[in-house]
PDB file of N, CA and C in Angstrom:
ATOM      1  N   MET A   1     140.062 108.502 125.361  1.00  0.00           N
ATOM      2  CA  MET A   1     139.219 107.339 125.507  1.00  0.00           C
ATOM      3  C   MET A   1     139.111 106.651 124.146  1.00  0.00           C
ATOM      4  N   PRO A   2     139.582 105.418 124.041  1.00  0.00           N
ATOM      5  CA  PRO A   2     139.515 104.710 122.758  1.00  0.00           C
ATOM      6  C   PRO A   2     138.093 104.233 122.463  1.00  0.00           C
ATOM      7  N   ILE A   3     137.770 104.140 121.206  1.00  0.00           N
ATOM      8  CA  ILE A   3     136.472 103.632 120.790  1.00  0.00           C
ATOM      9  C   ILE A   3     136.586 102.120 120.641  1.00  0.00           C
ATOM     10  N   HIS A   4     135.724 101.391 121.321  1.00  0.00           N
ATOM     11  CA  HIS A   4     135.769  99.943 121.283  1.00  0.00           C
ATOM     12  C   HIS A   4     135.230  99.429 119.956  1.00  0.00           C
ATOM     13  N   SER A   5     135.803  98.364 119.484  1.00  0.00           N
ATOM     14  CA  SER A   5     135.398  97.804 118.200  1.00  0.00           C
ATOM     15  C   SER A   5     133.952  97.311 118.228  1.00  0.00           C
ATOM     16  N   SER A   6     133.474  96.881 119.386  1.00  0.00           N
ATOM     17  CA  SER A   6     132.083  96.425 119.471  1.00  0.00           C
ATOM     18  C   SER A   6     131.107  97.576 119.270  1.00  0.00           C
ATOM     19  N   LEU A   7     131.461  98.767 119.741  1.00  0.00           N
ATOM     20  CA  LEU A   7     130.592  99.917 119.510  1.00  0.00           C
ATOM     21  C   LEU A   7     130.606 100.336 118.049  1.00  0.00           C
ATOM     22  N   ILE A   8     131.753 100.248 117.407  1.00  0.00           N
ATOM     23  CA  ILE A   8     131.830 100.559 115.984  1.00  0.00           C
ATOM     24  C   ILE A   8     130.971  99.564 115.203  1.00  0.00           C
ATOM     25  N   LEU A   9     131.036  98.301 115.571  1.00  0.00           N
ATOM     26  CA  LEU A   9     130.216  97.289 114.924  1.00  0.00           C
ATOM     27  C   LEU A   9     128.736  97.569 115.142  1.00  0.00           C
ATOM     28  N   LEU A  10     128.338  97.949 116.355  1.00  0.00           N
ATOM     29  CA  LEU A  10     126.948  98.255 116.647  1.00  0.00           C
ATOM     30  C   LEU A  10     126.450  99.410 115.784  1.00  0.00           C
ATOM     31  N   PHE A  11     127.218 100.471 115.677  1.00  0.00           N
ATOM     32  CA  PHE A  11     126.803 101.608 114.864  1.00  0.00           C
ATOM     33  C   PHE A  11     126.757 101.256 113.378  1.00  0.00           C
ATOM     34  N   THR A  12     127.676 100.441 112.915  1.00  0.00           N
ATOM     35  CA  THR A  12     127.666 100.020 111.517  1.00  0.00           C
ATOM     36  C   THR A  12     126.417  99.205 111.202  1.00  0.00           C
ATOM     37  N   VAL A  13     126.094  98.260 112.066  1.00  0.00           N
ATOM     38  CA  VAL A  13     124.886  97.458 111.870  1.00  0.00           C
ATOM     39  C   VAL A  13     123.652  98.345 111.935  1.00  0.00           C
ATOM     40  N   PHE A  14     123.639  99.287 112.843  1.00  0.00           N
ATOM     41  CA  PHE A  14     122.501 100.193 112.967  1.00  0.00           C
ATOM     42  C   PHE A  14     122.288 100.977 111.672  1.00  0.00           C
ATOM     43  N   PHE A  15     123.354 101.529 111.110  1.00  0.00           N
ATOM     44  CA  PHE A  15     123.217 102.308 109.886  1.00  0.00           C
ATOM     45  C   PHE A  15     122.857 101.439 108.689  1.00  0.00           C
ATOM     46  N   LEU A  16     123.328 100.207 108.662  1.00  0.00           N
ATOM     47  CA  LEU A  16     122.982  99.315 107.556  1.00  0.00           C
ATOM     48  C   LEU A  16     121.518  98.906 107.581  1.00  0.00           C
ATOM     49  N   PHE A  17     120.994  98.698 108.774  1.00  0.00           N
ATOM     50  CA  PHE A  17     119.632  98.198 108.896  1.00  0.00           C
ATOM     51  C   PHE A  17     118.615  99.267 109.274  1.00  0.00           C
ATOM     52  N   THR A  18     118.987 100.536 109.199  1.00  0.00           N
ATOM     53  CA  THR A  18     118.050 101.611 109.539  1.00  0.00           C
ATOM     54  C   THR A  18     116.774 101.579 108.701  1.00  0.00           C
ATOM     55  N   PRO A  19     116.837 101.389 107.381  1.00  0.00           N
ATOM     56  CA  PRO A  19     115.573 101.340 106.623  1.00  0.00           C
ATOM     57  C   PRO A  19     114.657 100.202 107.078  1.00  0.00           C
ATOM     58  N   SER A  20     115.221  99.051 107.335  1.00  0.00           N
ATOM     59  CA  SER A  20     114.403  97.927 107.804  1.00  0.00           C
ATOM     60  C   SER A  20     113.841  98.203 109.193  1.00  0.00           C
ATOM     61  N   LEU A  21     114.670  98.775 110.060  1.00  0.00           N
ATOM     62  CA  LEU A  21     114.203  99.106 111.411  1.00  0.00           C
ATOM     63  C   LEU A  21     113.105 100.157 111.362  1.00  0.00           C
ATOM     64  N   GLU A  22     113.231 101.116 110.469  1.00  0.00           N
ATOM     65  CA  GLU A  22     112.214 102.161 110.364  1.00  0.00           C
ATOM     66  C   GLU A  22     110.869 101.566 109.962  1.00  0.00           C
ATOM     67  N   GLN A  23     110.867 100.681 108.982  1.00  0.00           N
ATOM     68  CA  GLN A  23     109.619 100.037 108.568  1.00  0.00           C
ATOM     69  C   GLN A  23     109.066  99.171 109.704  1.00  0.00           C
ATOM     70  N   TRP A  24     109.942  98.500 110.403  1.00  0.00           N
ATOM     71  CA  TRP A  24     109.522  97.623 111.491  1.00  0.00           C
ATOM     72  C   TRP A  24     108.913  98.427 112.635  1.00  0.00           C
ATOM     73  N   LEU A  25     109.535  99.574 112.967  1.00  0.00           N
ATOM     74  CA  LEU A  25     109.045 100.381 114.078  1.00  0.00           C
ATOM     75  C   LEU A  25     107.782 101.155 113.736  1.00  0.00           C
ATOM     76  N   LEU A  26     107.659 101.587 112.492  1.00  0.00           N
ATOM     77  CA  LEU A  26     106.523 102.407 112.104  1.00  0.00           C
ATOM     78  C   LEU A  26     105.326 101.588 111.638  1.00  0.00           C
ATOM     79  N   ASN A  27     105.441 100.292 111.661  1.00  0.00           N
ATOM     80  CA  ASN A  27     104.327  99.429 111.298  1.00  0.00           C
ATOM     81  C   ASN A  27     103.194  99.663 112.294  1.00  0.00           C
ATOM     82  N   GLY A  28     101.980  99.838 111.787  1.00  0.00           N
ATOM     83  CA  GLY A  28     100.841 100.170 112.645  1.00  0.00           C
ATOM     84  C   GLY A  28     100.402  99.063 113.572  1.00  0.00           C
ATOM     85  N   SER A  29     100.763  97.839 113.288  1.00  0.00           N
ATOM     86  CA  SER A  29     100.263  96.735 114.095  1.00  0.00           C
ATOM     87  C   SER A  29     101.251  96.280 115.176  1.00  0.00           C
ATOM     88  N   ILE A  30     102.207  97.114 115.515  1.00  0.00           N
ATOM     89  CA  ILE A  30     103.185  96.725 116.523  1.00  0.00           C
ATOM     90  C   ILE A  30     102.710  97.088 117.927  1.00  0.00           C
ATOM     91  N   ALA A  31     103.308  96.467 118.882  1.00  0.00           N
ATOM     92  CA  ALA A  31     103.026  96.805 120.274  1.00  0.00           C
ATOM     93  C   ALA A  31     103.689  98.138 120.608  1.00  0.00           C
ATOM     94  N   TRP A  32     103.106  98.901 121.501  1.00  0.00           N
ATOM     95  CA  TRP A  32     103.608 100.234 121.828  1.00  0.00           C
ATOM     96  C   TRP A  32     104.977 100.194 122.477  1.00  0.00           C
ATOM     97  N   TYR A  33     105.332  99.071 123.076  1.00  0.00           N
ATOM     98  CA  TYR A  33     106.585  98.986 123.830  1.00  0.00           C
ATOM     99  C   TYR A  33     107.768  98.495 122.988  1.00  0.00           C
ATOM    100  N   ARG A  34     107.574  98.184 121.727  1.00  0.00           N
ATOM    101  CA  ARG A  34     108.666  97.651 120.908  1.00  0.00           C
ATOM    102  C   ARG A  34     109.864  98.607 120.818  1.00  0.00           C
ATOM    103  N   PRO A  35     109.677  99.908 120.573  1.00  0.00           N
ATOM    104  CA  PRO A  35     110.852 100.794 120.565  1.00  0.00           C
ATOM    105  C   PRO A  35     111.585 100.829 121.905  1.00  0.00           C
ATOM    106  N   HIS A  36     110.842 100.693 122.986  1.00  0.00           N
ATOM    107  CA  HIS A  36     111.473 100.688 124.304  1.00  0.00           C
ATOM    108  C   HIS A  36     112.313  99.431 124.504  1.00  0.00           C
ATOM    109  N   LEU A  37     111.891  98.316 123.945  1.00  0.00           N
ATOM    110  CA  LEU A  37     112.686  97.093 124.038  1.00  0.00           C
ATOM    111  C   LEU A  37     114.004  97.237 123.290  1.00  0.00           C
ATOM    112  N   ILE A  38     113.958  97.935 122.164  1.00  0.00           N
ATOM    113  CA  ILE A  38     115.192  98.166 121.408  1.00  0.00           C
ATOM    114  C   ILE A  38     116.161  99.003 122.229  1.00  0.00           C
ATOM    115  N   TRP A  39     115.672 100.084 122.832  1.00  0.00           N
ATOM    116  CA  TRP A  39     116.547 100.939 123.640  1.00  0.00           C
ATOM    117  C   TRP A  39     117.046 100.196 124.871  1.00  0.00           C
ATOM    118  N   LEU A  40     116.209  99.349 125.446  1.00  0.00           N
ATOM    119  CA  LEU A  40     116.657  98.539 126.579  1.00  0.00           C
ATOM    120  C   LEU A  40     117.798  97.618 126.159  1.00  0.00           C
ATOM    121  N   GLY A  41     117.685  97.028 124.979  1.00  0.00           N
ATOM    122  CA  GLY A  41     118.758  96.187 124.470  1.00  0.00           C
ATOM    123  C   GLY A  41     120.047  96.964 124.269  1.00  0.00           C
ATOM    124  N   VAL A  42     119.934  98.197 123.767  1.00  0.00           N
ATOM    125  CA  VAL A  42     121.116  99.041 123.567  1.00  0.00           C
ATOM    126  C   VAL A  42     121.764  99.373 124.903  1.00  0.00           C
ATOM    127  N   VAL A  43     120.961  99.718 125.889  1.00  0.00           N
ATOM    128  CA  VAL A  43     121.486 100.067 127.216  1.00  0.00           C
ATOM    129  C   VAL A  43     122.172  98.861 127.847  1.00  0.00           C
ATOM    130  N   ILE A  44     121.576  97.690 127.737  1.00  0.00           N
ATOM    131  CA  ILE A  44     122.178  96.478 128.302  1.00  0.00           C
ATOM    132  C   ILE A  44     123.486  96.155 127.598  1.00  0.00           C
ATOM    133  N   PHE A  45     123.511  96.300 126.270  1.00  0.00           N
ATOM    134  CA  PHE A  45     124.735  96.054 125.509  1.00  0.00           C
ATOM    135  C   PHE A  45     125.849  96.989 125.964  1.00  0.00           C
ATOM    136  N   ILE A  46     125.544  98.268 126.124  1.00  0.00           N
ATOM    137  CA  ILE A  46     126.556  99.237 126.538  1.00  0.00           C
ATOM    138  C   ILE A  46     127.015  98.948 127.971  1.00  0.00           C
ATOM    139  N   TYR A  47     126.093  98.562 128.843  1.00  0.00           N
ATOM    140  CA  TYR A  47     126.461  98.242 130.218  1.00  0.00           C
ATOM    141  C   TYR A  47     127.473  97.099 130.264  1.00  0.00           C
ATOM    142  N   PHE A  48     127.176  96.006 129.555  1.00  0.00           N
ATOM    143  CA  PHE A  48     128.097  94.874 129.562  1.00  0.00           C
ATOM    144  C   PHE A  48     129.398  95.208 128.856  1.00  0.00           C
ATOM    145  N   ASN A  49     129.324  96.043 127.845  1.00  0.00           N
ATOM    146  CA  ASN A  49     130.539  96.452 127.151  1.00  0.00           C
ATOM    147  C   ASN A  49     131.442  97.263 128.086  1.00  0.00           C
ATOM    148  N   GLN A  50     130.872  98.139 128.891  1.00  0.00           N
ATOM    149  CA  GLN A  50     131.652  98.932 129.829  1.00  0.00           C
ATOM    150  C   GLN A  50     132.196  98.072 130.973  1.00  0.00           C
ATOM    151  N   GLN A  51     131.459  97.047 131.376  1.00  0.00           N
ATOM    152  CA  GLN A  51     131.962  96.138 132.406  1.00  0.00           C
ATOM    153  C   GLN A  51     133.206  95.413 131.921  1.00  0.00           C
ATOM    154  N   ASP A  52     133.195  94.971 130.657  1.00  0.00           N
ATOM    155  CA  ASP A  52     134.373  94.321 130.097  1.00  0.00           C
ATOM    156  C   ASP A  52     135.538  95.290 129.994  1.00  0.00           C
ATOM    157  N   ALA A  53     135.254  96.532 129.674  1.00  0.00           N
ATOM    158  CA  ALA A  53     136.317  97.530 129.536  1.00  0.00           C
ATOM    159  C   ALA A  53     136.960  97.818 130.884  1.00  0.00           C
ATOM    160  N   SER A  54     136.167  97.872 131.945  1.00  0.00           N
ATOM    161  CA  SER A  54     136.738  98.165 133.261  1.00  0.00           C
ATOM    162  C   SER A  54     137.595  96.989 133.762  1.00  0.00           C
ATOM    163  N   ARG A  55     137.250  95.765 133.367  1.00  0.00           N
ATOM    164  CA  ARG A  55     138.065  94.609 133.766  1.00  0.00           C
ATOM    165  C   ARG A  55     139.393  94.610 133.016  1.00  0.00           C
ATOM    166  N   ASP A  56     139.388  95.093 131.791  1.00  0.00           N
ATOM    167  CA  ASP A  56     140.621  95.139 131.002  1.00  0.00           C
ATOM    168  C   ASP A  56     141.609  96.145 131.564  1.00  0.00           C
ATOM    169  N   GLU A  57     141.115  97.174 132.234  1.00  0.00           N
ATOM    170  CA  GLU A  57     141.984  98.217 132.752  1.00  0.00           C
ATOM    171  C   GLU A  57     142.680  97.799 134.044  1.00  0.00           C
ATOM    172  N   LEU A  58     142.194  96.780 134.706  1.00  0.00           N
ATOM    173  CA  LEU A  58     142.798  96.336 135.965  1.00  0.00           C
ATOM    174  C   LEU A  58     144.112  95.657 135.759  1.00  0.00           C
TER     175      LEU A  58
END
């Protein structure tokens, strides 16, 4: 199974911005659902990425 370039880009951006994300998530004045929105965004990104991959295989 090849690794898609979009996933490599996502992980690279994640590692580059981890310190900023950590401060943003651990801020006391945030809404409780903010981390869940981030994970929802990741799941949606992976879903659409896999849909594109399945179309390429046809």
